Amino acid sequence: MHSSNLCTEITLNTNKDEVAVCNLGSINLLAHIGPNGLDLVRLKRTVDVAMRMLDNVVDINFYTIPEARKSNLRHRPVGLGLMGFADALQAQGIAYASDAAVEFADTSMEAIGYFAISASTDLAEERGAYASFRGSLWSRGVLPIDSRELLAKTRSEINIDRGERLDWETLRARVKTVGMRNSNTMAIAPTATISNICGVSQSIEPGYQNLYVKSNMSGDFTVVNAQLVRDLKARGLWDEVMISDLKYFDGSVGQIDRVPDDIKAIYATAFEMDTSWLIAAASRRQKWIDQSQSLNLYLANPSGKALDQLYRSAWKAGLKTTYYLRSRSATHVEKSTLKGTDGKLNAVAVSAPIAAAPVRTALVMPALDGPACLIDDPDCEACQ
């Protein structure tokens, strides 16, 4: 569970009698991309299962305080989101910074929203509506898509797309008649850990880097964009030179001359695209979501003027929330371990290992396969 004061995607009420919590889950969007794009049949099956599992969590969860238990059992909110959005675009050959990506954000979230609400009505028919359903917006036939008109009355200069594709009127009538099992159904949360486990980009974010090292309690892990490797291999461009270039340019293909322009566009990283594209995609997504999105924004060189323009545009686009604002670091790691394969890198060749100095120790240690470093060795340059 994530409480409402920790994540920007959760928008639930808390008072002296109830502490809001929300049970979150995320769909791996990449796993639902087929030869013809988004596989709606498979997506519906996944959403149905996910909503049932999240509703079960409400009952079997461990609540640390009675106010949280009371709130969750009364309102039964869940937050179904997604991850691997950037990977789903790349699998279809779509650049994140494009009208096609904004359109895909709209169509994919409309489908998830439609299926999630429909699944909640099915659960209500089977298990009963949540206790506070009567008098709610749902009971009056107000769906997330209807909130855009309410929002337009409170924000000046708002610009929200009004397109629809699915049969919302039929679903609206069913919601009013049958009820909803859950007071809330959707929220797009950060998914860093589970995305790494699934091997996709987190949440709705563009790729941060195509090659990087991730550190956690288990150690350091080199993460590479597998789809980029696949596409480079298909073009005959995956070799030692490309690996060196990717390391040198911190996982960016934008500065590698021999990479074709279409590959550069598809695999552009977060700081290589205008942030307005992230806001445009999020705006299309927001109209289908009954809660909100944890949307990171990226500015390589932030300034007061840039920040003002950025958040004003998010406001006008109808976003409820954003998440972190990320900027580039002022310094970068020295590329001292790269192989000098392409003739232009000032890198240190690593063709032969350097003999290690013998280790001095007063401790009785088990035999090792090779020399090891003592942290407290006063003569070790690394320790100094």
Protein backbone atom coordinates (compact mmCIF):
# COMPACT_ATOMS: atom_id res chain seq x y z
CA MET A 1 0.00 0.00 0.00
CA HIS A 2 1.05 3.59 -0.56
CA SER A 3 -0.41 6.32 1.61
CA SER A 4 -1.74 9.49 0.05
CA ASN A 5 1.01 11.71 1.44
CA LEU A 6 3.84 9.77 -0.21
CA CYS A 7 2.88 9.63 -3.87
CA THR A 8 1.32 12.23 -6.13
CA GLU A 9 -0.85 9.72 -7.97
CA ILE A 10 -3.03 8.99 -4.91
CA THR A 11 -5.78 11.59 -4.44
CA LEU A 12 -7.90 10.32 -1.54
CA ASN A 13 -9.37 12.09 1.45
CA THR A 14 -8.02 11.71 4.98
CA ASN A 15 -9.71 12.97 8.17
CA LYS A 16 -9.65 12.30 11.91
CA ASP A 17 -11.71 9.13 11.51
CA GLU A 18 -10.23 7.72 8.29
CA VAL A 19 -6.67 7.49 6.94
CA ALA A 20 -6.63 7.02 3.18
CA VAL A 21 -4.58 4.22 1.68
CA CYS A 22 -4.60 2.79 -1.83
CA ASN A 23 -3.63 -0.59 -3.20
CA LEU A 24 -1.55 -0.19 -6.33
CA GLY A 25 -0.78 -2.40 -9.30
CA SER A 26 0.71 -1.78 -12.74
CA ILE A 27 0.21 -3.38 -16.15
CA ASN A 28 3.26 -4.17 -18.26
CA LEU A 29 2.14 -2.39 -21.42
CA LEU A 30 4.94 -3.86 -23.52
CA ALA A 31 3.54 -7.36 -22.93
CA HIS A 32 0.30 -6.27 -24.62
CA ILE A 33 1.80 -5.06 -27.89
CA GLY A 34 1.18 -7.39 -30.80
CA PRO A 35 1.85 -7.28 -34.54
CA ASN A 36 -1.06 -4.86 -34.99
CA GLY A 37 -0.33 -2.65 -32.01
CA LEU A 38 -2.18 -2.79 -28.68
CA ASP A 39 -3.86 -6.17 -28.13
CA LEU A 40 -7.20 -5.14 -26.57
CA VAL A 41 -8.37 -8.70 -25.94
CA ARG A 42 -5.28 -9.54 -23.93
CA LEU A 43 -5.36 -6.17 -22.19
CA LYS A 44 -8.96 -6.69 -21.03
CA ARG A 45 -8.09 -10.09 -19.62
CA THR A 46 -5.14 -8.64 -17.71
CA VAL A 47 -7.19 -5.73 -16.32
CA ASP A 48 -9.99 -8.06 -15.20
CA VAL A 49 -7.53 -10.23 -13.28
CA ALA A 50 -5.65 -7.25 -11.86
CA MET A 51 -8.80 -5.55 -10.56
CA ARG A 52 -9.97 -8.75 -8.88
CA MET A 53 -6.57 -9.23 -7.23
CA LEU A 54 -6.43 -5.61 -6.04
CA ASP A 55 -9.93 -5.88 -4.60
CA ASN A 56 -8.86 -9.03 -2.75
CA VAL A 57 -5.92 -7.14 -1.27
CA VAL A 58 -8.33 -4.74 0.43
CA ASP A 59 -9.70 -7.63 2.48
CA ILE A 60 -6.52 -9.57 3.24
CA ASN A 61 -4.16 -6.65 3.82
CA PHE A 62 -2.50 -5.90 7.15
CA TYR A 63 -3.51 -2.49 8.48
CA THR A 64 -1.26 -0.86 11.04
CA ILE A 65 -3.94 1.52 12.34
CA PRO A 66 -7.74 1.07 12.63
CA GLU A 67 -8.42 4.31 10.75
CA ALA A 68 -6.72 2.90 7.67
CA ARG A 69 -8.68 -0.34 7.87
CA LYS A 70 -11.96 1.54 8.27
CA SER A 71 -11.23 3.76 5.26
CA ASN A 72 -10.14 0.96 2.97
CA LEU A 73 -13.00 -1.41 3.78
CA ARG A 74 -15.57 1.37 3.42
CA HIS A 75 -14.38 2.85 0.13
CA ARG A 76 -12.24 0.01 -1.31
CA PRO A 77 -10.02 2.26 -3.50
CA VAL A 78 -7.48 0.65 -5.82
CA GLY A 79 -5.03 2.22 -8.24
CA LEU A 80 -4.31 0.31 -11.44
CA GLY A 81 -1.53 1.89 -13.49
CA LEU A 82 1.00 0.90 -16.10
CA MET A 83 4.69 0.55 -16.80
CA GLY A 84 6.76 0.03 -19.93
CA PHE A 85 5.06 2.84 -21.85
CA ALA A 86 8.32 3.89 -23.54
CA ASP A 87 9.08 0.26 -24.42
CA ALA A 88 5.63 -0.15 -25.96
CA LEU A 89 6.34 2.87 -28.16
CA GLN A 90 9.74 1.53 -29.18
CA ALA A 91 8.26 -1.87 -30.02
CA GLN A 92 5.97 -0.09 -32.47
CA GLY A 93 8.73 2.13 -33.88
CA ILE A 94 7.18 5.29 -32.39
CA ALA A 95 9.26 8.15 -31.01
CA TYR A 96 8.14 9.46 -27.61
CA ALA A 97 8.41 13.04 -28.89
CA SER A 98 5.75 12.68 -31.57
CA ASP A 99 2.03 13.08 -32.20
CA ALA A 100 1.78 9.31 -32.62
CA ALA A 101 3.04 8.78 -29.07
CA VAL A 102 0.53 11.28 -27.67
CA GLU A 103 -2.22 9.47 -29.56
CA PHE A 104 -1.06 6.11 -28.20
CA ALA A 105 -1.09 7.51 -24.65
CA ASP A 106 -4.72 8.47 -25.24
CA THR A 107 -5.91 5.20 -26.77
CA SER A 108 -4.05 2.91 -24.37
CA MET A 109 -5.25 4.74 -21.25
CA GLU A 110 -8.82 4.92 -22.54
CA ALA A 111 -8.78 1.15 -22.96
CA ILE A 112 -7.29 0.54 -19.50
CA GLY A 113 -9.78 2.96 -17.94
CA TYR A 114 -12.76 1.43 -19.70
CA PHE A 115 -11.77 -2.12 -18.77
CA ALA A 116 -10.96 -1.16 -15.15
CA ILE A 117 -14.34 0.52 -14.57
CA SER A 118 -16.12 -2.34 -16.31
CA ALA A 119 -14.27 -4.88 -14.14
CA SER A 120 -15.26 -2.98 -11.00
CA THR A 121 -18.92 -3.08 -12.01
CA ASP A 122 -18.61 -6.83 -12.59
CA LEU A 123 -17.16 -7.22 -9.10
CA ALA A 124 -19.97 -5.06 -7.68
CA GLU A 125 -22.53 -7.35 -9.30
CA GLU A 126 -20.76 -10.37 -7.82
CA ARG A 127 -19.69 -9.04 -4.41
CA GLY A 128 -21.71 -5.87 -3.87
CA ALA A 129 -20.91 -2.18 -4.29
CA TYR A 130 -18.57 -0.41 -1.87
CA ALA A 131 -20.31 0.91 1.25
CA SER A 132 -20.19 4.61 0.37
CA PHE A 133 -21.28 4.18 -3.25
CA ARG A 134 -24.70 5.78 -2.79
CA GLY A 135 -24.43 9.53 -3.36
CA SER A 136 -21.01 9.26 -5.03
CA LEU A 137 -20.17 10.66 -8.46
CA TRP A 138 -20.27 7.11 -9.79
CA SER A 139 -23.88 6.69 -8.57
CA ARG A 140 -24.80 9.84 -10.50
CA GLY A 141 -23.23 8.53 -13.69
CA VAL A 142 -20.21 10.85 -13.54
CA LEU A 143 -17.13 9.14 -14.99
CA PRO A 144 -13.50 10.37 -15.06
CA ILE A 145 -13.98 11.64 -18.62
CA ASP A 146 -16.71 13.98 -17.31
CA SER A 147 -14.30 15.67 -14.92
CA ARG A 148 -12.72 17.56 -17.82
CA GLU A 149 -15.80 19.80 -18.00
CA LEU A 150 -15.72 20.39 -14.25
CA LEU A 151 -12.04 21.24 -14.52
CA ALA A 152 -12.66 23.68 -17.35
CA LYS A 153 -14.83 25.74 -14.99
CA THR A 154 -12.02 26.16 -12.47
CA ARG A 155 -8.96 26.69 -14.69
CA SER A 156 -8.63 29.44 -17.24
CA GLU A 157 -7.11 28.76 -20.67
CA ILE A 158 -7.44 25.02 -20.20
CA ASN A 159 -6.75 22.88 -23.25
CA ILE A 160 -7.95 19.27 -23.00
CA ASP A 161 -8.65 16.89 -25.86
CA ARG A 162 -12.23 15.64 -25.87
CA GLY A 163 -11.93 12.62 -28.15
CA GLU A 164 -13.56 9.28 -27.24
CA ARG A 165 -13.53 5.92 -29.02
CA LEU A 166 -15.29 3.37 -26.80
CA ASP A 167 -18.94 2.97 -25.79
CA TRP A 168 -18.89 5.04 -22.61
CA GLU A 169 -22.65 5.68 -22.51
CA THR A 170 -23.44 1.99 -22.14
CA LEU A 171 -20.83 1.65 -19.40
CA ARG A 172 -22.14 4.78 -17.67
CA ALA A 173 -25.65 3.27 -17.51
CA ARG A 174 -24.27 0.00 -16.10
CA VAL A 175 -22.30 1.85 -13.41
CA LYS A 176 -25.45 3.69 -12.27
CA THR A 177 -27.53 0.50 -12.28
CA VAL A 178 -25.11 -2.12 -10.91
CA GLY A 179 -22.73 0.06 -8.90
CA MET A 180 -18.95 0.01 -8.41
CA ARG A 181 -16.94 -2.30 -6.19
CA ASN A 182 -14.19 0.32 -5.81
CA SER A 183 -14.44 4.05 -5.16
CA ASN A 184 -11.29 4.58 -7.24
CA THR A 185 -9.82 2.37 -9.91
CA MET A 186 -6.77 4.00 -11.54
CA ALA A 187 -3.52 5.67 -10.51
CA ILE A 188 -0.18 5.72 -12.30
CA ALA A 189 2.55 5.21 -9.72
CA PRO A 190 6.34 5.10 -9.95
CA THR A 191 7.42 1.54 -10.71
CA ALA A 192 11.21 1.57 -10.47
CA THR A 193 11.71 -1.80 -8.73
CA ILE A 194 9.03 -3.87 -10.46
CA SER A 195 9.95 -2.37 -13.83
CA ASN A 196 13.54 -3.53 -13.37
CA ILE A 197 12.26 -6.99 -12.49
CA CYS A 198 10.12 -7.05 -15.65
CA GLY A 199 12.90 -5.55 -17.77
CA VAL A 200 10.96 -2.50 -18.96
CA SER A 201 11.13 1.26 -18.44
CA GLN A 202 9.37 2.54 -15.38
CA SER A 203 5.82 3.78 -15.47
CA ILE A 204 5.07 6.36 -18.20
CA GLU A 205 8.60 7.78 -18.27
CA PRO A 206 10.75 8.11 -21.39
CA GLY A 207 14.00 6.18 -21.21
CA TYR A 208 16.46 7.88 -18.86
CA GLN A 209 19.48 6.25 -20.50
CA ASN A 210 19.89 3.35 -22.90
CA LEU A 211 22.89 2.10 -20.94
CA TYR A 212 23.50 2.67 -17.24
CA VAL A 213 24.54 1.02 -14.00
CA LYS A 214 21.89 0.44 -11.33
CA SER A 215 22.99 -0.03 -7.73
CA ASN A 216 21.04 -1.64 -4.94
CA MET A 217 21.70 -3.82 -1.88
CA SER A 218 22.47 -6.79 -4.13
CA GLY A 219 25.24 -4.99 -6.02
CA ASP A 220 25.77 -3.04 -9.24
CA PHE A 221 24.00 -4.11 -12.42
CA THR A 222 24.56 -2.90 -15.97
CA VAL A 223 21.21 -2.21 -17.63
CA VAL A 224 21.00 -1.92 -21.41
CA ASN A 225 17.99 -1.24 -23.62
CA ALA A 226 17.45 -4.65 -25.21
CA GLN A 227 15.23 -3.27 -27.97
CA LEU A 228 17.92 -0.80 -28.98
CA VAL A 229 20.45 -3.63 -29.17
CA ARG A 230 18.00 -5.62 -31.31
CA ASP A 231 17.46 -2.75 -33.73
CA LEU A 232 21.17 -1.95 -33.96
CA LYS A 233 21.94 -5.61 -34.68
CA ALA A 234 19.29 -5.62 -37.40
CA ARG A 235 21.10 -2.68 -39.04
CA GLY A 236 24.52 -4.33 -38.62
CA LEU A 237 25.65 -1.61 -36.19
CA TRP A 238 26.13 -3.55 -32.96
CA ASP A 239 29.87 -3.99 -32.42
CA GLU A 240 32.70 -3.03 -30.04
CA VAL A 241 32.77 0.51 -31.42
CA MET A 242 29.06 0.99 -30.71
CA ILE A 243 29.45 -0.36 -27.17
CA SER A 244 32.30 2.07 -26.54
CA ASP A 245 30.31 4.96 -28.00
CA LEU A 246 27.28 4.17 -25.85
CA LYS A 247 29.47 4.14 -22.75
CA TYR A 248 31.17 7.37 -23.72
CA PHE A 249 27.91 9.20 -24.44
CA ASP A 250 26.17 7.86 -21.30
CA GLY A 251 23.75 5.63 -23.20
CA SER A 252 22.72 8.27 -25.73
CA VAL A 253 22.58 7.43 -29.43
CA GLY A 254 21.83 11.03 -30.41
CA GLN A 255 25.50 11.97 -30.63
CA ILE A 256 26.68 8.85 -32.47
CA ASP A 257 27.09 9.83 -36.12
CA ARG A 258 26.57 6.44 -37.72
CA VAL A 259 23.23 5.77 -35.99
CA PRO A 260 20.33 6.50 -38.41
CA ASP A 261 18.01 9.40 -37.58
CA ASP A 262 14.94 7.20 -37.10
CA ILE A 263 16.78 5.14 -34.45
CA LYS A 264 17.91 8.36 -32.75
CA ALA A 265 14.32 9.59 -32.59
CA ILE A 266 12.87 6.33 -31.26
CA TYR A 267 15.56 5.90 -28.59
CA ALA A 268 15.96 9.54 -27.56
CA THR A 269 16.43 9.78 -23.80
CA ALA A 270 14.48 11.95 -21.38
CA PHE A 271 16.84 14.94 -21.56
CA GLU A 272 17.02 14.79 -25.36
CA MET A 273 13.37 15.66 -25.91
CA ASP A 274 11.20 18.66 -25.17
CA THR A 275 9.31 18.17 -21.89
CA SER A 276 6.17 19.46 -23.58
CA TRP A 277 5.76 16.01 -25.15
CA LEU A 278 5.58 14.38 -21.70
CA ILE A 279 2.92 16.89 -20.65
CA ALA A 280 0.95 16.39 -23.87
CA ALA A 281 0.88 12.62 -23.39
CA ALA A 282 -0.02 12.99 -19.71
CA SER A 283 -2.87 15.36 -20.59
CA ARG A 284 -4.40 12.80 -22.91
CA ARG A 285 -3.99 10.15 -20.22
CA GLN A 286 -5.39 12.21 -17.35
CA LYS A 287 -8.92 12.52 -18.74
CA TRP A 288 -9.41 8.76 -18.29
CA ILE A 289 -7.90 8.44 -14.78
CA ASP A 290 -10.01 8.90 -11.64
CA GLN A 291 -6.91 9.56 -9.52
CA SER A 292 -3.69 10.95 -10.95
CA GLN A 293 -0.19 10.35 -12.33
CA SER A 294 3.27 10.50 -10.81
CA LEU A 295 4.77 12.31 -13.79
CA ASN A 296 8.46 13.18 -13.66
CA LEU A 297 9.51 16.22 -15.68
CA TYR A 298 13.00 16.71 -17.12
CA LEU A 299 14.94 19.94 -17.63
CA ALA A 300 18.62 19.69 -18.49
CA ASN A 301 19.27 23.34 -17.57
CA PRO A 302 16.50 24.59 -15.27
CA SER A 303 15.87 28.29 -14.73
CA GLY A 304 13.14 30.34 -13.12
CA LYS A 305 11.62 31.21 -16.48
CA ALA A 306 11.77 27.60 -17.71
CA LEU A 307 10.15 26.30 -14.52
CA ASP A 308 7.37 28.88 -14.71
CA GLN A 309 6.58 27.97 -18.31
CA LEU A 310 6.77 24.24 -17.56
CA TYR A 311 4.30 24.21 -14.69
CA ARG A 312 1.95 26.70 -16.35
CA SER A 313 1.74 24.39 -19.36
CA ALA A 314 1.02 21.41 -17.07
CA TRP A 315 -1.75 23.41 -15.40
CA LYS A 316 -3.29 24.41 -18.73
CA ALA A 317 -3.07 20.81 -19.95
CA GLY A 318 -5.39 19.72 -17.14
CA LEU A 319 -2.90 17.71 -15.10
CA LYS A 320 -3.85 17.12 -11.47
CA THR A 321 -0.30 16.48 -10.29
CA THR A 322 3.32 16.06 -11.34
CA TYR A 323 6.09 14.27 -9.46
CA TYR A 324 9.83 15.01 -9.41
CA LEU A 325 11.56 17.64 -11.53
CA ARG A 326 14.82 16.13 -12.71
CA SER A 327 17.89 17.96 -14.02
CA ARG A 328 21.30 16.83 -15.18
CA SER A 329 24.25 16.68 -12.83
CA ALA A 330 26.96 19.31 -13.16
CA THR A 331 29.70 16.66 -13.42
CA HIS A 332 30.00 13.31 -15.16
CA VAL A 333 31.97 10.15 -14.55
CA GLU A 334 35.38 9.98 -16.20
CA LYS A 335 35.31 7.44 -19.04
CA SER A 336 38.63 5.90 -18.02
CA THR A 337 37.78 2.23 -18.56
CA LEU A 338 36.57 2.39 -22.13
CA LYS A 339 38.35 0.56 -24.87
CA GLY A 340 39.86 2.94 -27.42
CA THR A 341 38.15 1.22 -30.30
CA ASP A 342 36.81 4.11 -32.30
CA GLY A 343 39.91 6.30 -32.51
CA LYS A 344 38.32 9.38 -30.95
CA LEU A 345 38.00 8.47 -27.28
CA ASN A 346 40.75 9.39 -24.86
CA ALA A 347 40.28 6.10 -23.11
CA VAL A 348 42.60 3.73 -21.30
CA ALA A 349 43.16 0.46 -23.10
CA VAL A 350 42.37 -2.62 -21.04
CA SER A 351 43.99 -5.28 -23.18
CA ALA A 352 46.12 -6.71 -20.37
CA PRO A 353 45.41 -6.80 -16.63
CA ILE A 354 47.73 -4.83 -14.35
CA ALA A 355 49.53 -6.90 -11.78
CA ALA A 356 48.14 -6.22 -8.32
CA ALA A 357 50.35 -5.38 -5.38
CA PRO A 358 50.54 -8.04 -2.65
CA VAL A 359 48.10 -7.59 0.18
CA ARG A 360 49.52 -7.14 3.68
CA THR A 361 47.39 -8.30 6.57
CA ALA A 362 47.85 -9.35 10.17
CA LEU A 363 44.66 -11.39 10.11
CA VAL A 364 44.41 -15.07 9.39
CA MET A 365 42.33 -15.25 6.24
CA PRO A 366 41.12 -18.16 4.10
CA ALA A 367 42.83 -18.73 0.80
CA LEU A 368 41.54 -16.52 -2.00
CA ASP A 369 41.50 -17.06 -5.73
CA GLY A 370 43.25 -13.70 -6.20
CA PRO A 371 44.49 -10.64 -4.33
CA ALA A 372 41.93 -8.72 -2.30
CA CYS A 373 41.88 -5.20 -0.88
CA LEU A 374 41.76 -4.36 2.81
CA ILE A 375 39.66 -1.31 3.64
CA ASP A 376 41.98 -0.27 6.48
CA ASP A 377 45.31 -0.68 4.63
CA PRO A 378 47.16 2.63 5.36
CA ASP A 379 49.37 2.27 2.26
CA CYS A 380 46.55 1.67 -0.21
CA GLU A 381 45.94 4.62 -2.53
CA ALA A 382 42.27 3.76 -2.89
CA CYS A 383 41.81 3.82 0.90
CA GLN A 384 43.46 7.21 1.15
